[in-house]
């Protein structure tokens, strides 16, 4: 595993928590970089390049052919890979139509539903309540915002991405017994799904040498930050962190997206948005305090 020895001394859910925090930070940085690819080649080709580059990086780093899944494990790995492609494909379609904050917030309903279905302690339920309250504040539901109109197709893709995220959690947890190697095989399966989708949408654009020469460096950066590193960490974390805790902890995704927008892009946050971030962080802290080994 690509973690320093000082980090590997952490145990149980707290190691999983650290993995998720690194994953969230990396994902949001990669998402910001991916905007340049979307402008150049469109969302479908962006997803295909992101997954293909991430697959190459994971295969080089972890050499997954040394740990080939067994016959029974292949089902979970393949569904996990399809969920990755579906989740990313729908998310980038949403991102092309609605604001990033809204897309991330709506997509989070996927892990939130997993958290609701998996909760058994009052602290988990309280954390979910805080997370929902925060997400409702993030969504643009004021009269002035609604009058401008919302892209229904974009919202539909965001909710589809949420379903893909839920499947990613469930099957990633099952496939996680294979460690990071399972993430590499799953990423390969996702790439096999994403490439035909890109060809159907943009023809041979994905294979044009002049286009690849322009976008491959950025594609590898996005592949590492948004896929290879976070998915490699998460597939291990999903075996450590209880699913209800994972669902609420990942509520930091929209919070991180807003903070990256403020720090990197200079996007100012309103009092309502800061309140939303506070509620979401409280939800994550509440769930973290309730960690128990299972």
Protein backbone atom coordinates (compact mmCIF):
# COMPACT_ATOMS: atom_id res chain seq x y z
CA UNK A 1 0.00 0.00 0.00
CA UNK A 2 1.29 3.51 -0.81
CA UNK A 3 1.20 4.87 2.76
CA UNK A 4 4.23 5.85 4.88
CA UNK A 5 5.09 3.68 7.89
CA UNK A 6 4.07 6.41 10.33
CA UNK A 7 0.55 6.35 8.90
CA UNK A 8 0.34 2.57 8.89
CA UNK A 9 0.72 2.61 12.70
CA UNK A 10 -2.87 3.87 12.93
CA UNK A 11 -5.44 1.20 13.56
CA UNK A 12 -8.99 0.35 12.56
CA UNK A 13 -11.55 2.98 11.60
CA UNK A 14 -9.17 5.88 12.26
CA UNK A 15 -6.86 4.67 9.52
CA UNK A 16 -9.94 4.44 7.29
CA UNK A 17 -10.88 7.99 8.28
CA UNK A 18 -7.44 9.29 7.28
CA UNK A 19 -7.73 7.46 3.94
CA UNK A 20 -11.12 9.06 3.30
CA UNK A 21 -9.86 12.57 4.11
CA UNK A 22 -6.95 12.16 1.68
CA UNK A 23 -9.37 10.70 -0.87
CA UNK A 24 -11.79 13.63 -0.57
CA UNK A 25 -9.01 16.21 -0.92
CA UNK A 26 -7.51 14.44 -3.92
CA UNK A 27 -10.88 13.98 -5.61
CA UNK A 28 -11.80 17.65 -5.37
CA UNK A 29 -8.40 18.74 -6.72
CA UNK A 30 -8.83 16.29 -9.60
CA UNK A 31 -12.37 17.50 -10.28
CA UNK A 32 -11.14 21.08 -10.54
CA UNK A 33 -8.45 20.01 -13.01
CA UNK A 34 -10.96 17.94 -14.99
CA UNK A 35 -12.87 21.10 -15.93
CA UNK A 36 -10.13 21.91 -18.44
CA UNK A 37 -10.60 18.51 -20.07
CA UNK A 38 -14.38 18.85 -20.22
CA UNK A 39 -14.01 22.14 -22.10
CA UNK A 40 -11.58 20.57 -24.59
CA UNK A 41 -13.03 17.13 -25.27
CA UNK A 42 -16.44 16.92 -23.57
CA UNK A 43 -17.63 14.95 -20.52
CA UNK A 44 -17.73 11.50 -22.13
CA UNK A 45 -14.15 11.58 -23.42
CA UNK A 46 -13.01 13.13 -20.13
CA UNK A 47 -14.41 10.17 -18.18
CA UNK A 48 -12.85 7.64 -20.55
CA UNK A 49 -9.42 9.33 -20.39
CA UNK A 50 -9.63 9.71 -16.61
CA UNK A 51 -10.42 6.04 -16.04
CA UNK A 52 -7.96 4.77 -18.66
CA UNK A 53 -5.09 6.82 -17.22
CA UNK A 54 -6.01 5.81 -13.67
CA UNK A 55 -6.07 2.15 -14.71
CA UNK A 56 -2.59 2.43 -16.20
CA UNK A 57 -1.26 4.13 -13.06
CA UNK A 58 -2.79 1.51 -10.75
CA UNK A 59 -1.51 -1.38 -12.85
CA UNK A 60 2.01 0.09 -12.76
CA UNK A 61 1.85 0.81 -9.01
CA UNK A 62 0.23 -2.34 -7.60
CA UNK A 63 0.74 -5.00 -10.33
CA UNK A 64 -2.72 -6.51 -9.79
CA UNK A 65 -2.02 -9.58 -11.97
CA UNK A 66 -0.35 -11.02 -8.85
CA UNK A 67 -3.77 -11.04 -7.14
CA UNK A 68 -6.35 -12.05 -9.72
CA UNK A 69 -9.88 -12.27 -8.24
CA UNK A 70 -11.40 -15.73 -7.90
CA UNK A 71 -14.50 -16.78 -9.82
CA UNK A 72 -16.87 -15.64 -7.07
CA UNK A 73 -15.00 -12.38 -6.47
CA UNK A 74 -15.16 -11.36 -10.14
CA UNK A 75 -18.87 -10.53 -9.88
CA UNK A 76 -18.33 -7.93 -7.17
CA UNK A 77 -15.25 -6.50 -8.91
CA UNK A 78 -17.05 -6.17 -12.25
CA UNK A 79 -20.16 -4.54 -10.75
CA UNK A 80 -17.86 -2.25 -8.76
CA UNK A 81 -16.14 -1.24 -12.01
CA UNK A 82 -19.39 -0.63 -13.85
CA UNK A 83 -20.56 1.50 -10.91
CA UNK A 84 -17.38 3.58 -11.20
CA UNK A 85 -18.01 4.23 -14.91
CA UNK A 86 -21.71 4.94 -14.41
CA UNK A 87 -21.12 7.23 -11.41
CA UNK A 88 -18.43 9.27 -13.16
CA UNK A 89 -20.21 9.37 -16.51
CA UNK A 90 -23.43 10.70 -14.99
CA UNK A 91 -21.61 13.13 -12.70
CA UNK A 92 -19.73 14.79 -15.54
CA UNK A 93 -22.94 15.01 -17.56
CA UNK A 94 -24.51 16.78 -14.56
CA UNK A 95 -21.47 19.00 -14.15
CA UNK A 96 -21.88 20.20 -17.74
CA UNK A 97 -25.45 21.36 -16.98
CA UNK A 98 -25.71 22.48 -13.35
CA UNK A 99 -23.33 24.16 -10.85
CA UNK A 100 -20.67 21.95 -9.31
CA UNK A 101 -21.87 22.54 -5.74
CA UNK A 102 -25.38 21.41 -6.64
CA UNK A 103 -24.11 18.39 -8.57
CA UNK A 104 -21.94 17.24 -5.65
CA UNK A 105 -24.71 17.86 -3.12
CA UNK A 106 -27.33 15.92 -5.10
CA UNK A 107 -24.87 13.10 -5.82
CA UNK A 108 -24.26 12.79 -2.09
CA UNK A 109 -27.82 11.50 -1.65
CA UNK A 110 -26.39 8.11 -2.74
CA UNK A 111 -24.05 7.53 0.21
CA UNK A 112 -26.58 9.24 2.46
CA UNK A 113 -29.18 6.59 1.60
CA UNK A 114 -26.62 3.87 2.32
CA UNK A 115 -26.01 5.52 5.68
CA UNK A 116 -29.76 5.65 6.43
CA UNK A 117 -30.22 1.99 5.55
CA UNK A 118 -27.20 0.92 7.62
CA UNK A 119 -27.69 3.01 10.75
CA UNK A 120 -28.13 1.28 14.11
CA UNK A 121 -26.97 3.92 16.63
CA UNK A 122 -28.59 7.22 17.58
CA UNK A 123 -25.31 9.04 16.85
CA UNK A 124 -25.46 7.82 13.24
CA UNK A 125 -29.03 9.09 12.91
CA UNK A 126 -28.09 12.43 14.46
CA UNK A 127 -25.16 12.70 12.06
CA UNK A 128 -27.45 12.03 9.12
CA UNK A 129 -29.85 14.75 10.32
CA UNK A 130 -27.00 17.27 10.49
CA UNK A 131 -25.78 16.21 7.04
CA UNK A 132 -29.24 16.52 5.48
CA UNK A 133 -29.72 19.96 7.04
CA UNK A 134 -26.39 21.08 5.65
CA UNK A 135 -27.12 19.74 2.19
CA UNK A 136 -30.52 21.47 2.12
CA UNK A 137 -28.73 24.74 2.80
CA UNK A 138 -26.26 24.08 -0.02
CA UNK A 139 -28.98 23.38 -2.60
CA UNK A 140 -30.22 26.54 -4.39
CA UNK A 141 -33.82 26.41 -3.21
CA UNK A 142 -34.56 30.09 -2.65
CA UNK A 143 -37.29 31.75 -4.69
CA UNK A 144 -34.82 33.91 -6.59
CA UNK A 145 -32.69 30.91 -7.52
CA UNK A 146 -35.65 28.78 -8.52
CA UNK A 147 -37.02 31.52 -10.79
CA UNK A 148 -33.89 31.30 -12.91
CA UNK A 149 -34.81 27.72 -13.74
CA UNK A 150 -32.98 24.46 -13.11
CA UNK A 151 -31.79 22.07 -15.77
CA UNK A 152 -33.94 19.01 -15.11
CA UNK A 153 -31.67 16.82 -17.23
CA UNK A 154 -28.67 17.91 -15.18
CA UNK A 155 -30.47 17.13 -11.94
CA UNK A 156 -31.51 13.75 -13.34
CA UNK A 157 -27.88 12.91 -14.16
CA UNK A 158 -26.85 13.99 -10.65
CA UNK A 159 -29.39 11.65 -9.05
CA UNK A 160 -28.27 8.87 -11.41
CA UNK A 161 -24.71 9.52 -10.25
CA UNK A 162 -26.00 9.20 -6.68
CA UNK A 163 -27.33 5.73 -7.48
CA UNK A 164 -23.97 4.85 -8.99
CA UNK A 165 -22.22 6.09 -5.85
CA UNK A 166 -24.46 3.92 -3.67
CA UNK A 167 -23.61 0.85 -5.79
CA UNK A 168 -19.94 1.83 -5.63
CA UNK A 169 -20.09 1.78 -1.81
CA UNK A 170 -21.90 -1.56 -1.56
CA UNK A 171 -19.87 -3.47 -4.13
CA UNK A 172 -16.62 -1.67 -3.29
CA UNK A 173 -16.97 -2.96 0.25
CA UNK A 174 -17.52 -6.50 -1.05
CA UNK A 175 -14.69 -6.29 -3.55
CA UNK A 176 -12.39 -4.68 -1.00
CA UNK A 177 -11.14 -8.03 0.29
CA UNK A 178 -8.80 -7.94 -2.71
CA UNK A 179 -7.27 -4.66 -1.52
CA UNK A 180 -5.93 -2.11 -4.00
CA UNK A 181 -5.60 -4.86 -6.64
CA UNK A 182 -9.39 -5.09 -6.70
CA UNK A 183 -9.55 -1.34 -7.34
CA UNK A 184 -7.22 -1.79 -10.33
CA UNK A 185 -9.34 -4.59 -11.81
CA UNK A 186 -12.49 -2.59 -11.13
CA UNK A 187 -10.98 0.46 -12.81
CA UNK A 188 -10.17 -1.66 -15.86
CA UNK A 189 -13.79 -2.82 -16.00
CA UNK A 190 -14.95 0.78 -15.70
CA UNK A 191 -12.66 1.83 -18.55
CA UNK A 192 -14.05 -0.91 -20.79
CA UNK A 193 -17.53 0.54 -20.17
CA UNK A 194 -16.50 4.21 -20.51
CA UNK A 195 -14.60 3.97 -23.81
CA UNK A 196 -17.59 2.81 -25.94
CA UNK A 197 -19.71 5.51 -24.27
CA UNK A 198 -17.14 8.12 -25.36
CA UNK A 199 -16.98 6.71 -28.90
CA UNK A 200 -20.77 6.75 -29.19
CA UNK A 201 -20.85 10.41 -28.11
CA UNK A 202 -17.77 11.87 -29.83
CA UNK A 203 -16.75 9.36 -32.51
CA UNK A 204 -13.00 8.86 -32.88
CA UNK A 205 -12.06 11.98 -30.91
CA UNK A 206 -10.69 9.78 -28.11
CA UNK A 207 -8.14 8.21 -30.48
CA UNK A 208 -6.95 11.25 -32.45
CA UNK A 209 -3.17 11.70 -31.95
CA UNK A 210 -3.38 15.51 -32.09
CA UNK A 211 -6.03 15.57 -29.37
CA UNK A 212 -4.20 13.07 -27.18
CA UNK A 213 -0.97 15.04 -27.47
CA UNK A 214 -2.77 18.09 -26.04
CA UNK A 215 -4.74 16.45 -23.25
CA UNK A 216 -2.81 13.38 -22.06
CA UNK A 217 -0.66 15.20 -19.44
CA UNK A 218 -3.77 16.70 -17.86
CA UNK A 219 -5.62 13.39 -18.23
CA UNK A 220 -2.91 11.55 -16.27
CA UNK A 221 -3.01 14.23 -13.56
CA UNK A 222 -6.79 13.95 -13.33
CA UNK A 223 -6.60 10.16 -13.44
CA UNK A 224 -4.21 10.11 -10.50
CA UNK A 225 -5.92 12.75 -8.35
CA UNK A 226 -9.56 11.94 -9.08
CA UNK A 227 -9.44 8.15 -9.58
CA UNK A 228 -6.25 6.16 -8.93
CA UNK A 229 -5.36 7.60 -5.52
CA UNK A 230 -8.87 8.08 -4.06
CA UNK A 231 -10.30 4.76 -5.30
CA UNK A 232 -7.21 2.89 -4.17
CA UNK A 233 -7.61 4.40 -0.70
CA UNK A 234 -11.39 4.03 -0.54
CA UNK A 235 -11.54 0.36 -1.46
CA UNK A 236 -9.36 -0.32 1.60
CA UNK A 237 -11.25 2.17 3.78
CA UNK A 238 -14.57 0.57 2.86
CA UNK A 239 -13.39 -2.61 4.57
CA UNK A 240 -12.50 -0.69 7.73
CA UNK A 241 -15.10 2.05 8.11
CA UNK A 242 -18.72 1.02 8.78
CA UNK A 243 -20.99 1.90 5.82
CA UNK A 244 -23.17 4.26 7.85
CA UNK A 245 -20.08 6.16 9.00
CA UNK A 246 -18.69 6.24 5.45
CA UNK A 247 -21.94 7.70 4.15
CA UNK A 248 -21.91 10.63 6.56
CA UNK A 249 -18.14 11.20 6.45
CA UNK A 250 -18.34 11.56 2.69
CA UNK A 251 -20.64 14.53 3.28
CA UNK A 252 -17.33 16.38 3.45
CA UNK A 253 -17.27 16.11 -0.38
CA UNK A 254 -19.58 19.11 -1.04
CA UNK A 255 -17.93 20.99 1.82
CA UNK A 256 -14.50 20.35 0.29
CA UNK A 257 -15.80 21.40 -3.13
CA UNK A 258 -16.99 24.72 -1.71
CA UNK A 259 -13.74 25.30 0.15
CA UNK A 260 -11.65 24.51 -2.94
CA UNK A 261 -13.75 27.00 -4.86
CA UNK A 262 -13.09 29.64 -2.20
CA UNK A 263 -9.35 28.99 -1.79
CA UNK A 264 -8.37 28.31 -5.42
CA UNK A 265 -11.03 30.09 -7.48
CA UNK A 266 -11.82 32.95 -5.10
CA UNK A 267 -15.53 32.10 -4.92
CA UNK A 268 -17.03 33.89 -1.91
CA UNK A 269 -19.40 31.92 0.32
CA UNK A 270 -22.56 33.34 1.82
CA UNK A 271 -23.49 33.03 5.50
CA UNK A 272 -25.99 30.33 4.48
CA UNK A 273 -23.26 28.34 2.73
CA UNK A 274 -20.86 28.65 5.67
CA UNK A 275 -23.68 27.44 7.95
CA UNK A 276 -24.17 24.45 5.67
CA UNK A 277 -20.47 23.61 5.84
CA UNK A 278 -20.59 23.85 9.63
CA UNK A 279 -23.52 21.42 9.85
CA UNK A 280 -21.84 18.94 7.51
CA UNK A 281 -18.56 19.05 9.42
CA UNK A 282 -20.48 18.56 12.68
CA UNK A 283 -22.13 15.50 11.15
CA UNK A 284 -18.77 14.03 10.24
CA UNK A 285 -17.28 14.75 13.67
CA UNK A 286 -20.30 13.20 15.39
CA UNK A 287 -19.98 9.99 13.40
CA UNK A 288 -16.21 9.90 13.92
CA UNK A 289 -16.65 10.07 17.70
CA UNK A 290 -18.97 7.06 17.54
CA UNK A 291 -16.44 4.82 15.75
CA UNK A 292 -16.25 1.29 17.13
CA UNK A 293 -14.44 -1.69 15.73
CA UNK A 294 -16.84 -4.12 14.14
